[in-house]
Each structure stands twice: as structure tokens, then as C-alpha cells.
N, C-alpha and C. Protein backbone atom coordinates (compact mmCIF):
# COMPACT_ATOMS: atom_id res chain seq x y z
N MET A 1 73.80 82.22 84.03
CA MET A 1 74.02 81.82 85.40
C MET A 1 75.00 80.66 85.47
N HIS A 2 74.85 79.71 84.53
CA HIS A 2 75.73 78.55 84.50
C HIS A 2 77.18 78.96 84.20
N ASP A 3 77.37 79.94 83.26
CA ASP A 3 78.71 80.44 82.92
C ASP A 3 79.34 81.14 84.11
N LEU A 4 78.54 81.88 84.88
CA LEU A 4 79.04 82.57 86.06
C LEU A 4 79.57 81.56 87.08
N ARG A 5 78.83 80.48 87.28
CA ARG A 5 79.27 79.43 88.21
C ARG A 5 80.58 78.81 87.74
N LYS A 6 80.69 78.59 86.45
CA LYS A 6 81.93 78.01 85.91
C LYS A 6 83.11 78.95 86.13
N ARG A 7 82.90 80.25 85.90
CA ARG A 7 83.98 81.22 86.11
C ARG A 7 84.37 81.30 87.58
N ILE A 8 83.40 81.30 88.47
CA ILE A 8 83.68 81.34 89.91
C ILE A 8 84.45 80.08 90.33
N ALA A 9 83.99 78.93 89.86
CA ALA A 9 84.68 77.67 90.18
C ALA A 9 86.11 77.70 89.64
N GLY A 10 86.29 78.21 88.43
CA GLY A 10 87.63 78.32 87.84
C GLY A 10 88.53 79.24 88.65
N ASN A 11 87.98 80.37 89.09
CA ASN A 11 88.74 81.30 89.92
C ASN A 11 89.12 80.69 91.26
N ILE A 12 88.22 79.93 91.83
CA ILE A 12 88.51 79.26 93.09
C ILE A 12 89.65 78.26 92.90
N LEU A 13 89.60 77.49 91.82
CA LEU A 13 90.67 76.53 91.55
C LEU A 13 92.01 77.23 91.35
N ILE A 14 92.01 78.33 90.65
CA ILE A 14 93.26 79.09 90.45
C ILE A 14 93.78 79.59 91.79
N ALA A 15 92.91 80.12 92.62
CA ALA A 15 93.33 80.62 93.94
C ALA A 15 93.90 79.49 94.79
N MET A 16 93.25 78.32 94.73
CA MET A 16 93.75 77.17 95.50
C MET A 16 95.13 76.75 94.99
N ALA A 17 95.33 76.77 93.69
CA ALA A 17 96.63 76.41 93.13
C ALA A 17 97.71 77.39 93.58
N VAL A 18 97.38 78.68 93.60
CA VAL A 18 98.34 79.68 94.05
C VAL A 18 98.70 79.45 95.51
N VAL A 19 97.71 79.20 96.35
CA VAL A 19 97.96 78.93 97.77
C VAL A 19 98.83 77.69 97.91
N PHE A 20 98.56 76.65 97.13
CA PHE A 20 99.36 75.42 97.19
C PHE A 20 100.81 75.71 96.84
N VAL A 21 101.03 76.46 95.77
CA VAL A 21 102.40 76.75 95.33
C VAL A 21 103.13 77.58 96.38
N ILE A 22 102.44 78.57 96.95
CA ILE A 22 103.09 79.44 97.93
C ILE A 22 103.36 78.71 99.24
N PHE A 23 102.39 77.95 99.74
CA PHE A 23 102.51 77.38 101.07
C PHE A 23 102.84 75.90 101.11
N GLY A 24 102.67 75.18 100.03
CA GLY A 24 102.91 73.75 100.14
C GLY A 24 103.32 73.10 98.85
N GLY A 25 103.79 73.85 97.94
CA GLY A 25 104.19 73.27 96.67
C GLY A 25 105.53 72.58 96.77
N VAL A 26 106.04 72.17 95.64
CA VAL A 26 107.31 71.47 95.60
C VAL A 26 108.41 72.43 96.03
N SER A 27 109.16 72.00 97.00
CA SER A 27 110.29 72.79 97.45
C SER A 27 111.34 71.86 98.00
N CYS A 28 112.56 72.23 97.83
CA CYS A 28 113.65 71.44 98.38
C CYS A 28 114.56 72.41 99.08
N ALA A 29 114.70 72.21 100.35
CA ALA A 29 115.53 73.14 101.10
C ALA A 29 116.29 72.40 102.17
N GLY A 30 117.53 72.75 102.30
CA GLY A 30 118.32 72.26 103.41
C GLY A 30 118.11 73.23 104.56
N SER A 31 118.20 72.73 105.76
CA SER A 31 118.04 73.59 106.92
C SER A 31 119.33 74.35 107.17
N ASP A 32 119.20 75.61 107.65
CA ASP A 32 120.39 76.34 108.08
C ASP A 32 121.01 75.60 109.26
N GLU A 33 120.18 75.21 110.19
CA GLU A 33 120.63 74.41 111.32
C GLU A 33 119.82 73.13 111.32
N PRO A 34 120.47 72.02 111.00
CA PRO A 34 119.72 70.76 110.95
C PRO A 34 119.04 70.45 112.29
N LYS A 35 117.83 69.92 112.20
CA LYS A 35 117.08 69.53 113.38
C LYS A 35 117.14 68.02 113.54
N VAL A 36 117.08 67.56 114.77
CA VAL A 36 117.07 66.12 115.03
C VAL A 36 115.78 65.54 114.46
N ALA A 37 115.91 64.47 113.71
CA ALA A 37 114.73 63.79 113.15
C ALA A 37 113.97 63.11 114.28
N PRO A 38 112.67 63.35 114.38
CA PRO A 38 111.89 62.67 115.43
C PRO A 38 111.95 61.15 115.24
N ASP A 39 112.23 60.44 116.32
CA ASP A 39 112.23 58.98 116.23
C ASP A 39 110.78 58.50 116.19
N PHE A 40 110.59 57.34 115.64
CA PHE A 40 109.26 56.72 115.59
C PHE A 40 109.45 55.22 115.61
N THR A 41 108.40 54.53 115.96
CA THR A 41 108.38 53.07 115.91
C THR A 41 107.10 52.69 115.17
N LEU A 42 107.27 52.00 114.04
CA LEU A 42 106.13 51.61 113.20
C LEU A 42 106.32 50.17 112.75
N GLU A 43 105.23 49.53 112.38
CA GLU A 43 105.30 48.17 111.84
C GLU A 43 105.49 48.22 110.34
N ASP A 44 106.23 47.21 109.83
CA ASP A 44 106.32 47.05 108.39
C ASP A 44 105.20 46.12 107.94
N LEU A 45 105.16 45.79 106.67
CA LEU A 45 104.06 44.97 106.14
C LEU A 45 104.04 43.55 106.69
N SER A 46 105.18 43.08 107.20
CA SER A 46 105.22 41.73 107.78
C SER A 46 104.92 41.73 109.27
N GLY A 47 104.71 42.93 109.84
CA GLY A 47 104.41 43.03 111.27
C GLY A 47 105.62 43.25 112.15
N THR A 48 106.80 43.37 111.54
CA THR A 48 108.02 43.63 112.30
C THR A 48 108.07 45.11 112.67
N THR A 49 108.42 45.39 113.92
CA THR A 49 108.51 46.76 114.40
C THR A 49 109.86 47.36 114.02
N ARG A 50 109.83 48.55 113.47
CA ARG A 50 111.03 49.27 113.04
C ARG A 50 111.02 50.67 113.65
N SER A 51 112.20 51.15 114.02
CA SER A 51 112.36 52.51 114.53
C SER A 51 113.37 53.24 113.67
N LEU A 52 113.26 54.55 113.60
CA LEU A 52 114.24 55.33 112.87
C LEU A 52 115.64 55.08 113.43
N GLY A 53 115.73 54.95 114.74
CA GLY A 53 117.02 54.71 115.40
C GLY A 53 117.72 53.45 114.92
N ASP A 54 116.97 52.51 114.33
CA ASP A 54 117.58 51.28 113.80
C ASP A 54 118.56 51.58 112.67
N TYR A 55 118.46 52.76 112.08
CA TYR A 55 119.24 53.10 110.89
C TYR A 55 120.30 54.15 111.16
N LYS A 56 120.62 54.37 112.43
CA LYS A 56 121.68 55.33 112.77
C LYS A 56 122.97 54.88 112.09
N GLY A 57 123.71 55.81 111.54
CA GLY A 57 124.93 55.48 110.80
C GLY A 57 124.68 55.34 109.31
N GLU A 58 123.41 55.44 108.90
CA GLU A 58 123.05 55.40 107.48
C GLU A 58 122.31 56.68 107.13
N VAL A 59 122.41 57.09 105.89
CA VAL A 59 121.57 58.18 105.40
C VAL A 59 120.20 57.56 105.16
N VAL A 60 119.16 58.23 105.63
CA VAL A 60 117.80 57.71 105.50
C VAL A 60 116.97 58.61 104.59
N PHE A 61 116.37 57.99 103.60
CA PHE A 61 115.43 58.63 102.68
C PHE A 61 114.06 58.26 103.21
N LEU A 62 113.37 59.19 103.84
CA LEU A 62 112.10 58.93 104.52
C LEU A 62 110.98 59.59 103.72
N ASN A 63 110.15 58.77 103.09
CA ASN A 63 109.10 59.26 102.20
C ASN A 63 107.74 58.92 102.79
N PHE A 64 106.92 59.94 103.04
CA PHE A 64 105.54 59.76 103.48
C PHE A 64 104.65 59.77 102.25
N TRP A 65 103.78 58.76 102.13
CA TRP A 65 103.02 58.57 100.90
C TRP A 65 101.73 57.80 101.17
N ALA A 66 100.93 57.65 100.11
CA ALA A 66 99.73 56.81 100.15
C ALA A 66 99.45 56.31 98.74
N VAL A 67 98.88 55.13 98.63
CA VAL A 67 98.51 54.57 97.33
C VAL A 67 97.48 55.47 96.66
N GLY A 68 96.58 56.05 97.43
CA GLY A 68 95.53 56.90 96.89
C GLY A 68 96.01 58.27 96.42
N CYS A 69 97.27 58.53 96.52
CA CYS A 69 97.86 59.82 96.13
C CYS A 69 98.56 59.65 94.77
N LYS A 70 98.03 60.30 93.73
CA LYS A 70 98.58 60.14 92.38
C LYS A 70 100.05 60.53 92.27
N PRO A 71 100.48 61.70 92.80
CA PRO A 71 101.91 62.03 92.72
C PRO A 71 102.78 61.01 93.46
N CYS A 72 102.25 60.44 94.53
CA CYS A 72 103.00 59.40 95.27
C CYS A 72 103.21 58.18 94.37
N ARG A 73 102.16 57.76 93.70
CA ARG A 73 102.28 56.60 92.80
C ARG A 73 103.23 56.90 91.65
N GLU A 74 103.18 58.13 91.15
CA GLU A 74 104.02 58.49 90.00
C GLU A 74 105.51 58.50 90.34
N GLU A 75 105.87 58.87 91.58
CA GLU A 75 107.28 58.91 91.93
C GLU A 75 107.82 57.56 92.42
N MET A 76 106.94 56.61 92.67
CA MET A 76 107.37 55.33 93.23
C MET A 76 108.37 54.58 92.34
N PRO A 77 108.24 54.55 91.01
CA PRO A 77 109.28 53.88 90.21
C PRO A 77 110.66 54.49 90.40
N ASN A 78 110.74 55.82 90.54
CA ASN A 78 112.02 56.48 90.77
C ASN A 78 112.59 56.11 92.14
N ILE A 79 111.72 56.03 93.14
CA ILE A 79 112.16 55.65 94.47
C ILE A 79 112.65 54.20 94.46
N GLU A 80 111.96 53.34 93.73
CA GLU A 80 112.39 51.94 93.61
C GLU A 80 113.77 51.87 92.94
N ASN A 81 113.97 52.63 91.87
CA ASN A 81 115.28 52.65 91.21
C ASN A 81 116.37 53.13 92.16
N LEU A 82 116.06 54.16 92.94
CA LEU A 82 117.01 54.66 93.93
C LEU A 82 117.32 53.58 94.96
N HIS A 83 116.29 52.95 95.47
CA HIS A 83 116.44 51.88 96.47
C HIS A 83 117.35 50.78 95.94
N ARG A 84 117.12 50.33 94.73
CA ARG A 84 117.92 49.24 94.16
C ARG A 84 119.36 49.67 93.91
N SER A 85 119.55 50.91 93.46
CA SER A 85 120.91 51.36 93.15
C SER A 85 121.74 51.65 94.39
N MET A 86 121.09 51.86 95.54
CA MET A 86 121.81 52.24 96.76
C MET A 86 121.79 51.14 97.83
N LYS A 87 121.27 49.97 97.50
CA LYS A 87 121.04 48.96 98.54
C LYS A 87 122.32 48.44 99.19
N ASP A 88 123.47 48.54 98.54
CA ASP A 88 124.73 48.07 99.14
C ASP A 88 125.53 49.22 99.76
N LYS A 89 124.89 50.34 99.98
CA LYS A 89 125.53 51.53 100.54
C LYS A 89 124.92 51.84 101.91
N PRO A 90 125.56 52.73 102.69
CA PRO A 90 124.98 53.12 103.98
C PRO A 90 123.82 54.11 103.76
N PHE A 91 122.78 53.62 103.08
CA PHE A 91 121.65 54.43 102.65
C PHE A 91 120.40 53.57 102.75
N LYS A 92 119.37 54.08 103.40
CA LYS A 92 118.15 53.31 103.58
C LYS A 92 116.95 54.09 103.08
N VAL A 93 116.17 53.46 102.23
CA VAL A 93 114.91 54.03 101.76
C VAL A 93 113.79 53.47 102.62
N LEU A 94 112.99 54.35 103.20
CA LEU A 94 111.81 53.95 103.98
C LEU A 94 110.60 54.69 103.42
N ALA A 95 109.58 53.93 103.03
CA ALA A 95 108.34 54.50 102.54
C ALA A 95 107.30 54.34 103.65
N VAL A 96 106.86 55.43 104.22
CA VAL A 96 105.89 55.39 105.33
C VAL A 96 104.51 55.69 104.77
N ASN A 97 103.67 54.66 104.78
CA ASN A 97 102.31 54.79 104.25
C ASN A 97 101.40 55.39 105.31
N LEU A 98 100.54 56.29 104.86
CA LEU A 98 99.64 56.97 105.78
C LEU A 98 98.24 56.37 105.76
N GLY A 99 97.97 55.49 106.69
CA GLY A 99 96.63 55.06 107.00
C GLY A 99 95.93 54.09 106.10
N GLU A 100 96.61 53.51 105.13
CA GLU A 100 95.93 52.56 104.25
C GLU A 100 96.13 51.13 104.77
N SER A 101 95.27 50.24 104.33
CA SER A 101 95.33 48.85 104.81
C SER A 101 96.51 48.11 104.18
N LYS A 102 96.96 47.07 104.87
CA LYS A 102 98.05 46.24 104.34
C LYS A 102 97.66 45.64 102.99
N GLY A 103 96.40 45.27 102.83
CA GLY A 103 95.94 44.69 101.57
C GLY A 103 96.08 45.65 100.41
N ILE A 104 95.68 46.89 100.61
CA ILE A 104 95.80 47.90 99.55
C ILE A 104 97.27 48.13 99.20
N ILE A 105 98.10 48.23 100.22
CA ILE A 105 99.52 48.49 99.99
C ILE A 105 100.16 47.30 99.29
N ARG A 106 99.90 46.09 99.79
CA ARG A 106 100.48 44.89 99.17
C ARG A 106 100.05 44.75 97.71
N SER A 107 98.79 45.03 97.44
CA SER A 107 98.29 44.94 96.07
C SER A 107 99.03 45.91 95.15
N PHE A 108 99.26 47.12 95.64
CA PHE A 108 99.99 48.12 94.85
C PHE A 108 101.45 47.73 94.66
N MET A 109 102.09 47.21 95.69
CA MET A 109 103.52 46.92 95.66
C MET A 109 103.85 45.63 94.92
N ALA A 110 102.93 44.68 94.93
CA ALA A 110 103.19 43.32 94.45
C ALA A 110 103.82 43.27 93.06
N GLY A 111 104.97 42.61 93.00
CA GLY A 111 105.65 42.37 91.74
C GLY A 111 106.33 43.58 91.13
N ARG A 112 106.20 44.74 91.76
CA ARG A 112 106.77 45.97 91.21
C ARG A 112 107.83 46.61 92.10
N TYR A 113 107.56 46.60 93.40
CA TYR A 113 108.39 47.39 94.31
C TYR A 113 108.90 46.54 95.47
N THR A 114 110.15 46.80 95.83
CA THR A 114 110.79 46.09 96.96
C THR A 114 111.15 47.05 98.09
N ILE A 115 110.69 48.25 97.99
CA ILE A 115 110.98 49.29 98.99
C ILE A 115 110.36 48.87 100.32
N PRO A 116 111.11 49.00 101.43
CA PRO A 116 110.51 48.72 102.74
C PRO A 116 109.39 49.72 103.03
N VAL A 117 108.23 49.20 103.42
CA VAL A 117 107.08 50.04 103.73
C VAL A 117 106.76 49.93 105.22
N LEU A 118 106.65 51.07 105.87
CA LEU A 118 106.21 51.14 107.26
C LEU A 118 104.81 51.73 107.27
N MET A 119 104.04 51.37 108.29
CA MET A 119 102.64 51.77 108.34
C MET A 119 102.41 52.80 109.46
N ASP A 120 102.03 54.00 109.08
CA ASP A 120 101.70 55.06 110.03
C ASP A 120 100.18 55.19 110.04
N ASN A 121 99.53 54.24 110.69
CA ASN A 121 98.07 54.14 110.61
C ASN A 121 97.33 55.34 111.19
N ASN A 122 97.89 55.96 112.22
CA ASN A 122 97.20 57.09 112.83
C ASN A 122 97.83 58.44 112.47
N GLY A 123 98.87 58.43 111.64
CA GLY A 123 99.50 59.68 111.20
C GLY A 123 100.40 60.33 112.23
N LYS A 124 100.66 59.64 113.32
CA LYS A 124 101.46 60.24 114.41
C LYS A 124 102.88 60.59 113.95
N ALA A 125 103.53 59.68 113.22
CA ALA A 125 104.90 59.95 112.75
C ALA A 125 104.88 61.13 111.77
N PHE A 126 103.91 61.14 110.88
CA PHE A 126 103.79 62.22 109.89
C PHE A 126 103.63 63.57 110.60
N ARG A 127 102.79 63.61 111.61
CA ARG A 127 102.58 64.85 112.36
C ARG A 127 103.84 65.26 113.12
N ALA A 128 104.59 64.27 113.63
CA ALA A 128 105.84 64.58 114.35
C ALA A 128 106.83 65.30 113.44
N TYR A 129 106.75 65.03 112.14
CA TYR A 129 107.62 65.68 111.17
C TYR A 129 107.00 66.96 110.60
N GLY A 130 105.85 67.34 111.13
CA GLY A 130 105.18 68.55 110.65
C GLY A 130 104.55 68.37 109.29
N GLY A 131 104.26 67.13 108.93
CA GLY A 131 103.72 66.85 107.60
C GLY A 131 102.33 67.42 107.40
N ARG A 132 102.11 67.93 106.19
CA ARG A 132 100.80 68.46 105.82
C ARG A 132 100.35 67.95 104.47
N TYR A 133 101.31 67.68 103.58
CA TYR A 133 100.99 67.25 102.22
C TYR A 133 101.79 66.00 101.89
N ILE A 134 101.24 65.17 101.00
CA ILE A 134 102.00 64.03 100.51
C ILE A 134 102.07 64.09 99.01
N PRO A 135 103.14 63.57 98.44
CA PRO A 135 104.28 63.00 99.14
C PRO A 135 105.18 64.08 99.77
N THR A 136 105.76 63.73 100.90
CA THR A 136 106.78 64.56 101.54
C THR A 136 107.94 63.64 101.87
N THR A 137 109.14 64.10 101.52
CA THR A 137 110.34 63.30 101.74
C THR A 137 111.34 64.07 102.58
N PHE A 138 111.92 63.38 103.54
CA PHE A 138 112.97 63.93 104.39
C PHE A 138 114.24 63.14 104.15
N ILE A 139 115.36 63.84 104.05
CA ILE A 139 116.65 63.20 103.94
C ILE A 139 117.34 63.42 105.29
N ILE A 140 117.66 62.30 105.94
CA ILE A 140 118.21 62.33 107.29
C ILE A 140 119.65 61.83 107.23
N ASP A 141 120.56 62.59 107.82
CA ASP A 141 121.97 62.20 107.74
C ASP A 141 122.30 61.06 108.71
N LYS A 142 123.54 60.61 108.66
CA LYS A 142 123.97 59.44 109.44
C LYS A 142 123.89 59.67 110.94
N ASN A 143 123.82 60.94 111.35
CA ASN A 143 123.74 61.26 112.78
C ASN A 143 122.32 61.55 113.24
N GLY A 144 121.35 61.35 112.35
CA GLY A 144 119.95 61.51 112.74
C GLY A 144 119.41 62.92 112.61
N PHE A 145 120.07 63.78 111.81
CA PHE A 145 119.58 65.14 111.61
C PHE A 145 118.90 65.26 110.25
N ILE A 146 117.79 66.00 110.22
CA ILE A 146 117.09 66.27 108.96
C ILE A 146 117.94 67.28 108.19
N ARG A 147 118.35 66.89 107.01
CA ARG A 147 119.20 67.76 106.19
C ARG A 147 118.44 68.38 105.03
N HIS A 148 117.42 67.67 104.54
CA HIS A 148 116.65 68.19 103.41
C HIS A 148 115.21 67.70 103.52
N LYS A 149 114.31 68.51 102.97
CA LYS A 149 112.89 68.17 102.93
C LYS A 149 112.35 68.57 101.56
N LEU A 150 111.55 67.73 100.98
CA LEU A 150 110.91 68.07 99.72
C LEU A 150 109.44 67.70 99.80
N ILE A 151 108.58 68.66 99.48
CA ILE A 151 107.15 68.42 99.41
C ILE A 151 106.80 68.28 97.94
N GLY A 152 106.23 67.14 97.58
CA GLY A 152 105.86 66.89 96.19
C GLY A 152 106.71 65.77 95.62
N ALA A 153 106.33 65.32 94.44
CA ALA A 153 107.02 64.22 93.78
C ALA A 153 108.31 64.70 93.13
N ALA A 154 109.26 63.78 92.98
CA ALA A 154 110.54 64.11 92.34
C ALA A 154 111.08 62.89 91.62
N GLU A 155 112.04 63.13 90.76
CA GLU A 155 112.75 62.04 90.09
C GLU A 155 113.98 61.72 90.93
N TRP A 156 113.76 60.93 91.98
CA TRP A 156 114.77 60.68 93.00
C TRP A 156 115.99 59.90 92.50
N ASP A 157 115.87 59.24 91.38
CA ASP A 157 117.01 58.48 90.88
C ASP A 157 117.90 59.32 89.96
N GLY A 158 117.64 60.61 89.88
CA GLY A 158 118.45 61.51 89.06
C GLY A 158 119.80 61.80 89.68
N GLU A 159 120.73 62.21 88.86
CA GLU A 159 122.11 62.43 89.31
C GLU A 159 122.24 63.51 90.37
N GLU A 160 121.46 64.59 90.27
CA GLU A 160 121.60 65.66 91.26
C GLU A 160 121.25 65.17 92.66
N TYR A 161 120.24 64.30 92.76
CA TYR A 161 119.90 63.76 94.07
C TYR A 161 120.93 62.73 94.53
N LYS A 162 121.37 61.89 93.63
CA LYS A 162 122.38 60.90 94.01
C LYS A 162 123.66 61.58 94.48
N ASP A 163 124.04 62.67 93.83
CA ASP A 163 125.22 63.42 94.28
C ASP A 163 125.03 63.89 95.72
N LEU A 164 123.85 64.40 96.02
CA LEU A 164 123.54 64.83 97.39
C LEU A 164 123.65 63.66 98.36
N PHE A 165 123.09 62.51 97.99
CA PHE A 165 123.10 61.36 98.89
C PHE A 165 124.53 60.85 99.13
N TYR A 166 125.35 60.82 98.07
CA TYR A 166 126.74 60.39 98.22
C TYR A 166 127.51 61.37 99.12
N GLU A 167 127.24 62.65 98.94
CA GLU A 167 127.89 63.66 99.78
C GLU A 167 127.55 63.42 101.26
N LEU A 168 126.30 63.15 101.54
CA LEU A 168 125.89 62.90 102.92
C LEU A 168 126.49 61.61 103.46
N MET A 169 126.62 60.60 102.62
CA MET A 169 127.21 59.33 103.07
C MET A 169 128.69 59.50 103.40
N GLU A 170 129.35 60.44 102.73
CA GLU A 170 130.78 60.64 102.95
C GLU A 170 131.08 61.53 104.15
N GLU A 171 130.12 62.23 104.67
CA GLU A 171 130.35 63.14 105.83
C GLU A 171 130.72 62.35 107.07
């Protein structure tokens, strides 16, 4: 009976993994017709209010994440490297945290990361982007259109992504 339960549980896990890969796994796709990125207004960790519209004229790397999400934590060093390497360019990295306290976020970021963090405490911005899984990243062009979306963690400081970002900055 115990072995049967283990096999059933294993089959359920496999089925869940297949569903995740089919419907929400890692994917990177540009839109055939770019959609306007929904504007939002959120507070950063210092309490300053920021809107997506503040970054018009820059390519925006918009990453929805949480400290409690292992893939989110794993990709954060790559996002930090990207942020540091692009800070003097018309490119802005924004990490939008989903519902965690400032204390938890500050503790995680302290001494390691300088990425601007915005707080989406009620998930409204995430829902406006149709978010379902984290991490989810949107690449928004200088005119405010969503050009790419990726669900899942990535090595964002890699050359293939930087080439994409430079291409968008030059448009």
C-alpha cells in the first residue's frame, strides 16, 4: 500500500511538471504585435513612488520576483551583473517584489544587490501584466511596448540577452 502511494505521488509530480512545462515553463517570445506595457505606480524600499512612465525613453527590464522563490534568488546575481553593466546606458532594471515585507527584502538585498526594488504588495501590477508564475520578466522598449517576456530564471548577463538589449536601445 505504501509503494502504491509513492507511485501515485510520483505520477502526480510528473503530471504537474508536464503541465508546468506546457503552460508556464521557461519561454522567451517576442510579440508579433507589441502591446503597450501597463503603467503602474509602486513604492520603492525608501518609500519613493515610482511609475513605469518615469522610464520612458529607456529600455526597461521588469522582473517580478520574491525572496521566497528559489529560482528568483538564483537569477538575482545575474540581474545584478546586468544592472551594473548597463547603468550608464538608456536601460533600467526594475525588480518588482510580490507581497513581501521591506524587512525581508532589505535583509536579502543587503550588501549584495543594488537593483532598484519596487513593492507590489497586493499583486495588482503583476496581474495587470497577466502574471501567473515567478520569476517573470518583461522587456519593454523605449516607447513603452512589451517586446519580450520570459517566464522562469535566466542568465540575464549573457551575451545573447545583452545583444537584444543593445538592439532595443538603438531602435
